[in-house]
Amino acid sequence: MSKDRPYVLTIAGLDPSGGAGILADIKTFEQHKVCGFAISTANTIQTENQFHEIQWTDLGFVIRSIETLFLNYKISVVKIGIASSLHDLNRIVSTIKLLSPLTKIVWDPVLKSTTKFEFMNIEDHLHIDLNKILSKIDLITPNSHEAEILFPDFASNENKFSTSILLKGGHNEKALGKDLLFLKNEVLELLPSEKNCFKKHGSGCVLSSAIASNLALNQTLKEACKNAKIYIENYLSSTPTLIGYHYV
């Protein structure tokens, strides 16, 4: 394994179609020339069109896997995907920060799959302080529907949360493809190019893992998000089908 490449870890589900989850993340990591590790939070039975079944990984097993990797490697950035609950997410994030306080964390809050399977019901975990979890995370990447669930008052509090937020524009009917990056003291618009893009299964996974890769390559958060947008547009335009191709 090359010592010249930074280490990046994805903690997410296993999608056997390879369009989403840790397989998509690893493909993205490799294209960005970072060394990718993966820990599975769940096994799934699915295709790009249909979700059939999920089998969650025992949280203790996930935590021990995290500890083993961090005790053996200097991991620059962690991308987190599906978790079964906010409690599990908090345990995962807290473990990472305890082992390596300087490691950056990107959370792609996948609450539902593109095939409408619900991974995490936020309403079931209202007793958990979401802002405490977010204070340990460097960036979250929700779409507009996920932002409304996570932050019911998002429109009036968009710069008052304890992490940076990349609001994805893939579901924005008024400005399709326009992403908004909410930082502590500014909002940055990331406008779409004129590429002919198609819907993709797992596009959020690819975008967030591209951002994580860029952060590991010492790009600023602004640079990482801008360059990840170029990558995801290349991915979205690669085929007219729900499974795309990754390019260097």
C-alpha atoms as a PDB file:
ATOM      1  CA  MET A   1       0.000   0.000   0.000  1.00  0.00           C
ATOM      2  CA  SER A   2       1.445   3.341  -1.072  1.00  0.00           C
ATOM      3  CA  LYS A   3       2.720   5.576   1.720  1.00  0.00           C
ATOM      4  CA  ASP A   4       2.210   8.595  -0.531  1.00  0.00           C
ATOM      5  CA  ARG A   5      -1.569   8.339  -0.487  1.00  0.00           C
ATOM      6  CA  PRO A   6      -3.660   9.528   2.457  1.00  0.00           C
ATOM      7  CA  TYR A   7      -5.964   7.027   4.115  1.00  0.00           C
ATOM      8  CA  VAL A   8      -9.717   7.538   3.868  1.00  0.00           C
ATOM      9  CA  LEU A   9     -12.329   5.338   5.529  1.00  0.00           C
ATOM     10  CA  THR A  10     -15.960   4.796   4.574  1.00  0.00           C
ATOM     11  CA  ILE A  11     -18.383   3.486   7.205  1.00  0.00           C
ATOM     12  CA  ALA A  12     -21.573   2.669   5.330  1.00  0.00           C
ATOM     13  CA  GLY A  13     -23.758  -0.103   3.947  1.00  0.00           C
ATOM     14  CA  LEU A  14     -22.871  -2.747   1.384  1.00  0.00           C
ATOM     15  CA  ASP A  15     -24.915  -2.464  -1.817  1.00  0.00           C
ATOM     16  CA  PRO A  16     -24.205  -5.512  -4.000  1.00  0.00           C
ATOM     17  CA  SER A  17     -25.063  -3.566  -7.164  1.00  0.00           C
ATOM     18  CA  GLY A  18     -22.051  -1.342  -6.482  1.00  0.00           C
ATOM     19  CA  GLY A  19     -23.971   1.834  -7.240  1.00  0.00           C
ATOM     20  CA  ALA A  20     -24.179   2.991  -3.639  1.00  0.00           C
ATOM     21  CA  GLY A  21     -22.614   2.346  -0.245  1.00  0.00           C
ATOM     22  CA  ILE A  22     -19.068   1.218   0.424  1.00  0.00           C
ATOM     23  CA  LEU A  23     -18.459  -0.236  -3.046  1.00  0.00           C
ATOM     24  CA  ALA A  24     -19.305   3.099  -4.685  1.00  0.00           C
ATOM     25  CA  ASP A  25     -17.191   4.891  -2.093  1.00  0.00           C
ATOM     26  CA  ILE A  26     -14.165   2.676  -2.720  1.00  0.00           C
ATOM     27  CA  LYS A  27     -14.460   3.222  -6.483  1.00  0.00           C
ATOM     28  CA  THR A  28     -14.524   6.971  -5.857  1.00  0.00           C
ATOM     29  CA  PHE A  29     -11.565   6.836  -3.478  1.00  0.00           C
ATOM     30  CA  GLU A  30      -9.479   4.970  -6.029  1.00  0.00           C
ATOM     31  CA  GLN A  31     -10.225   7.483  -8.774  1.00  0.00           C
ATOM     32  CA  HIS A  32      -9.058  10.250  -6.439  1.00  0.00           C
ATOM     33  CA  LYS A  33      -5.798   8.398  -5.700  1.00  0.00           C
ATOM     34  CA  VAL A  34      -6.387   7.979  -1.975  1.00  0.00           C
ATOM     35  CA  CYS A  35      -6.121   4.686  -0.076  1.00  0.00           C
ATOM     36  CA  GLY A  36      -9.628   3.598   0.775  1.00  0.00           C
ATOM     37  CA  PHE A  37     -10.745   1.459   3.718  1.00  0.00           C
ATOM     38  CA  ALA A  38     -14.311   0.291   4.339  1.00  0.00           C
ATOM     39  CA  ILE A  39     -16.389  -0.881   7.291  1.00  0.00           C
ATOM     40  CA  SER A  40     -19.877  -2.184   6.572  1.00  0.00           C
ATOM     41  CA  THR A  41     -22.722  -0.997   8.804  1.00  0.00           C
ATOM     42  CA  ALA A  42     -25.183  -3.284   7.003  1.00  0.00           C
ATOM     43  CA  ASN A  43     -25.532  -5.917   4.318  1.00  0.00           C
ATOM     44  CA  THR A  44     -28.352  -5.341   1.857  1.00  0.00           C
ATOM     45  CA  ILE A  45     -30.136  -7.217  -0.885  1.00  0.00           C
ATOM     46  CA  GLN A  46     -30.891  -4.692  -3.611  1.00  0.00           C
ATOM     47  CA  THR A  47     -30.429  -3.634  -7.207  1.00  0.00           C
ATOM     48  CA  GLU A  48     -30.325  -0.123  -8.611  1.00  0.00           C
ATOM     49  CA  ASN A  49     -34.126  -0.363  -9.020  1.00  0.00           C
ATOM     50  CA  GLN A  50     -35.345  -2.253  -5.977  1.00  0.00           C
ATOM     51  CA  PHE A  51     -34.565  -2.619  -2.284  1.00  0.00           C
ATOM     52  CA  HIS A  52     -35.362  -6.045  -0.808  1.00  0.00           C
ATOM     53  CA  GLU A  53     -33.747  -6.578   2.570  1.00  0.00           C
ATOM     54  CA  ILE A  54     -31.250  -5.239   5.103  1.00  0.00           C
ATOM     55  CA  GLN A  55     -29.207  -6.929   7.825  1.00  0.00           C
ATOM     56  CA  TRP A  56     -27.593  -4.454  10.207  1.00  0.00           C
ATOM     57  CA  THR A  57     -24.076  -5.112  11.468  1.00  0.00           C
ATOM     58  CA  ASP A  58     -23.741  -5.378  15.249  1.00  0.00           C
ATOM     59  CA  LEU A  59     -22.595  -1.986  16.569  1.00  0.00           C
ATOM     60  CA  GLY A  60     -19.901  -3.567  18.742  1.00  0.00           C
ATOM     61  CA  PHE A  61     -18.410  -5.224  15.655  1.00  0.00           C
ATOM     62  CA  VAL A  62     -18.380  -1.863  13.835  1.00  0.00           C
ATOM     63  CA  ILE A  63     -16.709  -0.126  16.787  1.00  0.00           C
ATOM     64  CA  ARG A  64     -14.027  -2.830  17.086  1.00  0.00           C
ATOM     65  CA  SER A  65     -13.364  -2.524  13.358  1.00  0.00           C
ATOM     66  CA  ILE A  66     -12.920   1.245  13.702  1.00  0.00           C
ATOM     67  CA  GLU A  67     -10.554   0.804  16.644  1.00  0.00           C
ATOM     68  CA  THR A  68      -8.451  -1.759  14.767  1.00  0.00           C
ATOM     69  CA  LEU A  69      -7.999   0.466  11.710  1.00  0.00           C
ATOM     70  CA  PHE A  70      -7.243   3.616  13.694  1.00  0.00           C
ATOM     71  CA  LEU A  71      -4.692   1.828  15.856  1.00  0.00           C
ATOM     72  CA  ASN A  72      -2.833   0.727  12.725  1.00  0.00           C
ATOM     73  CA  TYR A  73      -3.252   3.615  10.267  1.00  0.00           C
ATOM     74  CA  LYS A  74      -3.342   7.393  10.289  1.00  0.00           C
ATOM     75  CA  ILE A  75      -6.762   7.978   8.738  1.00  0.00           C
ATOM     76  CA  SER A  76      -7.238  11.533   7.453  1.00  0.00           C
ATOM     77  CA  VAL A  77     -10.960  11.552   6.702  1.00  0.00           C
ATOM     78  CA  VAL A  78     -13.969   9.351   7.410  1.00  0.00           C
ATOM     79  CA  LYS A  79     -17.124   9.322   5.298  1.00  0.00           C
ATOM     80  CA  ILE A  80     -20.193   7.931   7.082  1.00  0.00           C
ATOM     81  CA  GLY A  81     -23.283   6.677   5.277  1.00  0.00           C
ATOM     82  CA  ILE A  82     -26.223   4.701   6.630  1.00  0.00           C
ATOM     83  CA  ALA A  83     -26.533   3.981  10.342  1.00  0.00           C
ATOM     84  CA  SER A  84     -29.478   2.299  12.020  1.00  0.00           C
ATOM     85  CA  SER A  85     -30.004   5.089  14.558  1.00  0.00           C
ATOM     86  CA  LEU A  86     -28.690   8.391  15.852  1.00  0.00           C
ATOM     87  CA  HIS A  87     -27.452   6.464  18.871  1.00  0.00           C
ATOM     88  CA  ASP A  88     -25.253   4.304  16.629  1.00  0.00           C
ATOM     89  CA  LEU A  89     -24.097   7.337  14.675  1.00  0.00           C
ATOM     90  CA  ASN A  90     -23.109   9.068  17.899  1.00  0.00           C
ATOM     91  CA  ARG A  91     -21.131   6.037  19.072  1.00  0.00           C
ATOM     92  CA  ILE A  92     -19.325   5.822  15.732  1.00  0.00           C
ATOM     93  CA  VAL A  93     -18.479   9.534  15.613  1.00  0.00           C
ATOM     94  CA  SER A  94     -17.435   9.646  19.277  1.00  0.00           C
ATOM     95  CA  THR A  95     -15.142   6.638  18.817  1.00  0.00           C
ATOM     96  CA  ILE A  96     -13.432   8.258  15.839  1.00  0.00           C
ATOM     97  CA  LYS A  97     -12.862  11.528  17.687  1.00  0.00           C
ATOM     98  CA  LEU A  98     -11.571   9.742  20.774  1.00  0.00           C
ATOM     99  CA  LEU A  99      -9.038   7.801  18.719  1.00  0.00           C
ATOM    100  CA  SER A 100      -8.074  10.634  16.368  1.00  0.00           C
ATOM    101  CA  PRO A 101      -9.387  14.131  17.207  1.00  0.00           C
ATOM    102  CA  LEU A 102      -7.954  15.665  14.011  1.00  0.00           C
ATOM    103  CA  THR A 103      -9.622  13.224  11.620  1.00  0.00           C
ATOM    104  CA  LYS A 104     -12.279  14.966   9.538  1.00  0.00           C
ATOM    105  CA  ILE A 105     -15.756  13.450   9.271  1.00  0.00           C
ATOM    106  CA  VAL A 106     -18.244  13.788   6.416  1.00  0.00           C
ATOM    107  CA  TRP A 107     -21.745  12.432   7.072  1.00  0.00           C
ATOM    108  CA  ASP A 108     -24.072  11.716   4.173  1.00  0.00           C
ATOM    109  CA  PRO A 109     -27.387  11.448   6.076  1.00  0.00           C
ATOM    110  CA  VAL A 110     -29.068   8.787   3.960  1.00  0.00           C
ATOM    111  CA  LEU A 111     -32.460   8.546   5.648  1.00  0.00           C
ATOM    112  CA  LYS A 112     -34.168   6.811   2.732  1.00  0.00           C
ATOM    113  CA  SER A 113     -32.841   4.966  -0.291  1.00  0.00           C
ATOM    114  CA  THR A 114     -33.724   6.069  -3.812  1.00  0.00           C
ATOM    115  CA  THR A 115     -36.019   3.032  -3.789  1.00  0.00           C
ATOM    116  CA  LYS A 116     -37.842   4.530  -0.750  1.00  0.00           C
ATOM    117  CA  PHE A 117     -36.536   2.160   1.953  1.00  0.00           C
ATOM    118  CA  GLU A 118     -36.274   4.025   5.263  1.00  0.00           C
ATOM    119  CA  PHE A 119     -32.901   3.506   6.971  1.00  0.00           C
ATOM    120  CA  MET A 120     -33.294   5.858   9.920  1.00  0.00           C
ATOM    121  CA  ASN A 121     -36.438   7.370  11.401  1.00  0.00           C
ATOM    122  CA  ILE A 122     -35.294  10.607  13.035  1.00  0.00           C
ATOM    123  CA  GLU A 123     -38.594  10.964  14.934  1.00  0.00           C
ATOM    124  CA  ASP A 124     -37.768   7.802  16.878  1.00  0.00           C
ATOM    125  CA  HIS A 125     -34.644   9.466  18.298  1.00  0.00           C
ATOM    126  CA  LEU A 126     -35.810  12.905  19.353  1.00  0.00           C
ATOM    127  CA  HIS A 127     -34.322  12.323  22.833  1.00  0.00           C
ATOM    128  CA  ILE A 128     -30.834  12.452  21.303  1.00  0.00           C
ATOM    129  CA  ASP A 129     -29.231  15.880  20.879  1.00  0.00           C
ATOM    130  CA  LEU A 130     -28.482  16.032  17.158  1.00  0.00           C
ATOM    131  CA  ASN A 131     -26.432  19.216  17.497  1.00  0.00           C
ATOM    132  CA  LYS A 132     -24.044  17.471  19.911  1.00  0.00           C
ATOM    133  CA  ILE A 133     -23.402  14.834  17.263  1.00  0.00           C
ATOM    134  CA  LEU A 134     -23.038  17.436  14.530  1.00  0.00           C
ATOM    135  CA  SER A 135     -20.478  19.366  16.577  1.00  0.00           C
ATOM    136  CA  LYS A 136     -18.098  16.416  16.051  1.00  0.00           C
ATOM    137  CA  ILE A 137     -18.726  16.325  12.278  1.00  0.00           C
ATOM    138  CA  ASP A 138     -17.065  18.608   9.718  1.00  0.00           C
ATOM    139  CA  LEU A 139     -19.676  18.434   6.962  1.00  0.00           C
ATOM    140  CA  ILE A 140     -23.072  16.878   6.298  1.00  0.00           C
ATOM    141  CA  THR A 141     -24.506  16.482   2.800  1.00  0.00           C
ATOM    142  CA  PRO A 142     -28.320  16.273   2.928  1.00  0.00           C
ATOM    143  CA  ASN A 143     -30.705  16.784   0.033  1.00  0.00           C
ATOM    144  CA  SER A 144     -33.634  19.156   0.553  1.00  0.00           C
ATOM    145  CA  HIS A 145     -35.952  16.421   1.897  1.00  0.00           C
ATOM    146  CA  GLU A 146     -33.346  15.206   4.387  1.00  0.00           C
ATOM    147  CA  ALA A 147     -32.591  18.773   5.497  1.00  0.00           C
ATOM    148  CA  GLU A 148     -36.274  19.357   6.252  1.00  0.00           C
ATOM    149  CA  ILE A 149     -36.386  16.211   8.411  1.00  0.00           C
ATOM    150  CA  LEU A 150     -33.135  16.908  10.240  1.00  0.00           C
ATOM    151  CA  PHE A 151     -33.767  20.641  10.656  1.00  0.00           C
ATOM    152  CA  PRO A 152     -37.492  21.514  10.606  1.00  0.00           C
ATOM    153  CA  ASP A 153     -36.557  25.213  10.912  1.00  0.00           C
ATOM    154  CA  PHE A 154     -33.699  25.032   8.387  1.00  0.00           C
ATOM    155  CA  ALA A 155     -34.829  28.050   6.339  1.00  0.00           C
ATOM    156  CA  SER A 156     -34.540  30.415   9.299  1.00  0.00           C
ATOM    157  CA  ASN A 157     -31.455  28.858  10.912  1.00  0.00           C
ATOM    158  CA  GLU A 158     -29.299  27.825   8.008  1.00  0.00           C
ATOM    159  CA  ASN A 159     -26.058  29.309   9.427  1.00  0.00           C
ATOM    160  CA  LYS A 160     -26.688  28.524  13.099  1.00  0.00           C
ATOM    161  CA  PHE A 161     -25.924  24.832  13.213  1.00  0.00           C
ATOM    162  CA  SER A 162     -22.830  23.257  14.680  1.00  0.00           C
ATOM    163  CA  THR A 163     -21.406  21.940  11.405  1.00  0.00           C
ATOM    164  CA  SER A 164     -21.033  22.959   7.770  1.00  0.00           C
ATOM    165  CA  ILE A 165     -23.859  21.844   5.481  1.00  0.00           C
ATOM    166  CA  LEU A 166     -23.799  21.106   1.769  1.00  0.00           C
ATOM    167  CA  LEU A 167     -27.433  21.245   0.700  1.00  0.00           C
ATOM    168  CA  LYS A 168     -27.602  19.195  -2.492  1.00  0.00           C
ATOM    169  CA  GLY A 169     -29.715  20.554  -5.324  1.00  0.00           C
ATOM    170  CA  GLY A 170     -30.701  17.320  -7.020  1.00  0.00           C
ATOM    171  CA  HIS A 171     -34.252  17.585  -5.644  1.00  0.00           C
ATOM    172  CA  ASN A 172     -34.519  21.363  -5.992  1.00  0.00           C
ATOM    173  CA  GLU A 173     -37.335  21.881  -8.498  1.00  0.00           C
ATOM    174  CA  LYS A 174     -36.777  25.646  -8.636  1.00  0.00           C
ATOM    175  CA  ALA A 175     -33.029  25.444  -9.294  1.00  0.00           C
ATOM    176  CA  LEU A 176     -32.164  21.871 -10.238  1.00  0.00           C
ATOM    177  CA  GLY A 177     -28.546  21.020  -9.555  1.00  0.00           C
ATOM    178  CA  LYS A 178     -27.695  24.171  -7.593  1.00  0.00           C
ATOM    179  CA  ASP A 179     -25.972  23.169  -4.358  1.00  0.00           C
ATOM    180  CA  LEU A 180     -25.612  25.499  -1.387  1.00  0.00           C
ATOM    181  CA  LEU A 181     -22.622  25.252   0.942  1.00  0.00           C
ATOM    182  CA  PHE A 182     -23.468  26.730   4.353  1.00  0.00           C
ATOM    183  CA  LEU A 183     -20.348  27.690   6.268  1.00  0.00           C
ATOM    184  CA  LYS A 184     -20.097  29.525   9.565  1.00  0.00           C
ATOM    185  CA  ASN A 185     -20.204  33.031   8.100  1.00  0.00           C
ATOM    186  CA  GLU A 186     -21.132  32.611   4.448  1.00  0.00           C
ATOM    187  CA  VAL A 187     -23.221  30.718   1.933  1.00  0.00           C
ATOM    188  CA  LEU A 188     -21.571  29.578  -1.295  1.00  0.00           C
ATOM    189  CA  GLU A 189     -23.576  28.693  -4.399  1.00  0.00           C
ATOM    190  CA  LEU A 190     -22.291  25.769  -6.462  1.00  0.00           C
ATOM    191  CA  LEU A 191     -23.987  26.042  -9.821  1.00  0.00           C
ATOM    192  CA  PRO A 192     -24.433  23.130 -12.222  1.00  0.00           C
ATOM    193  CA  SER A 193     -22.600  22.961 -15.519  1.00  0.00           C
ATOM    194  CA  GLU A 194     -24.315  22.419 -18.863  1.00  0.00           C
ATOM    195  CA  LYS A 195     -23.590  18.680 -18.835  1.00  0.00           C
ATOM    196  CA  ASN A 196     -26.511  16.413 -19.658  1.00  0.00           C
ATOM    197  CA  CYS A 197     -26.875  14.612 -16.328  1.00  0.00           C
ATOM    198  CA  PHE A 198     -29.067  11.606 -15.533  1.00  0.00           C
ATOM    199  CA  LYS A 199     -30.428  10.331 -12.233  1.00  0.00           C
ATOM    200  CA  LYS A 200     -28.181   7.776 -10.569  1.00  0.00           C
ATOM    201  CA  HIS A 201     -28.607   5.245  -7.809  1.00  0.00           C
ATOM    202  CA  GLY A 202     -26.194   6.219  -5.020  1.00  0.00           C
ATOM    203  CA  SER A 203     -25.199   9.629  -6.352  1.00  0.00           C
ATOM    204  CA  GLY A 204     -25.118  11.043  -2.818  1.00  0.00           C
ATOM    205  CA  CYS A 205     -22.637   8.361  -1.775  1.00  0.00           C
ATOM    206  CA  VAL A 206     -20.353   9.219  -4.665  1.00  0.00           C
ATOM    207  CA  LEU A 207     -20.512  12.960  -3.975  1.00  0.00           C
ATOM    208  CA  SER A 208     -19.768  12.656  -0.257  1.00  0.00           C
ATOM    209  CA  SER A 209     -16.896  10.213  -0.808  1.00  0.00           C
ATOM    210  CA  ALA A 210     -15.450  12.545  -3.458  1.00  0.00           C
ATOM    211  CA  ILE A 211     -15.552  15.385  -0.923  1.00  0.00           C
ATOM    212  CA  ALA A 212     -13.892  13.161   1.686  1.00  0.00           C
ATOM    213  CA  SER A 213     -11.165  12.256  -0.814  1.00  0.00           C
ATOM    214  CA  ASN A 214     -10.527  15.901  -1.653  1.00  0.00           C
ATOM    215  CA  LEU A 215     -10.302  16.838   2.030  1.00  0.00           C
ATOM    216  CA  ALA A 216      -7.730  14.082   2.521  1.00  0.00           C
ATOM    217  CA  LEU A 217      -5.757  15.633  -0.348  1.00  0.00           C
ATOM    218  CA  ASN A 218      -5.511  18.834   1.736  1.00  0.00           C
ATOM    219  CA  GLN A 219      -8.122  20.804  -0.171  1.00  0.00           C
ATOM    220  CA  THR A 220     -10.171  23.343   1.741  1.00  0.00           C
ATOM    221  CA  LEU A 221     -13.827  22.561   2.321  1.00  0.00           C
ATOM    222  CA  LYS A 222     -14.788  24.990  -0.453  1.00  0.00           C
ATOM    223  CA  GLU A 223     -12.313  23.423  -2.895  1.00  0.00           C
ATOM    224  CA  ALA A 224     -13.325  19.903  -1.898  1.00  0.00           C
ATOM    225  CA  CYS A 225     -17.009  20.581  -2.566  1.00  0.00           C
ATOM    226  CA  LYS A 226     -16.376  22.437  -5.832  1.00  0.00           C
ATOM    227  CA  ASN A 227     -14.162  19.672  -7.202  1.00  0.00           C
ATOM    228  CA  ALA A 228     -16.525  16.959  -5.990  1.00  0.00           C
ATOM    229  CA  LYS A 229     -19.307  18.639  -7.943  1.00  0.00           C
ATOM    230  CA  ILE A 230     -17.237  18.319 -11.121  1.00  0.00           C
ATOM    231  CA  TYR A 231     -16.657  14.639 -10.335  1.00  0.00           C
ATOM    232  CA  ILE A 232     -20.318  13.875  -9.638  1.00  0.00           C
ATOM    233  CA  GLU A 233     -21.430  15.624 -12.838  1.00  0.00           C
ATOM    234  CA  ASN A 234     -19.007  13.474 -14.831  1.00  0.00           C
ATOM    235  CA  TYR A 235     -20.476  10.450 -13.062  1.00  0.00           C
ATOM    236  CA  LEU A 236     -24.094  11.509 -13.655  1.00  0.00           C
ATOM    237  CA  SER A 237     -23.445  12.169 -17.346  1.00  0.00           C
ATOM    238  CA  SER A 238     -21.521   8.915 -17.907  1.00  0.00           C
ATOM    239  CA  THR A 239     -24.586   6.781 -18.776  1.00  0.00           C
ATOM    240  CA  PRO A 240     -28.350   7.256 -19.137  1.00  0.00           C
ATOM    241  CA  THR A 241     -28.916   4.340 -16.732  1.00  0.00           C
ATOM    242  CA  LEU A 242     -29.133   4.317 -12.914  1.00  0.00           C
ATOM    243  CA  ILE A 243     -25.592   2.909 -12.619  1.00  0.00           C
ATOM    244  CA  GLY A 244     -22.794   5.231 -13.715  1.00  0.00           C
ATOM    245  CA  TYR A 245     -19.130   4.928 -14.634  1.00  0.00           C
ATOM    246  CA  HIS A 246     -16.270   6.363 -12.587  1.00  0.00           C
ATOM    247  CA  TYR A 247     -13.572   8.236 -14.479  1.00  0.00           C
ATOM    248  CA  VAL A 248     -10.116   9.466 -13.576  1.00  0.00           C
END
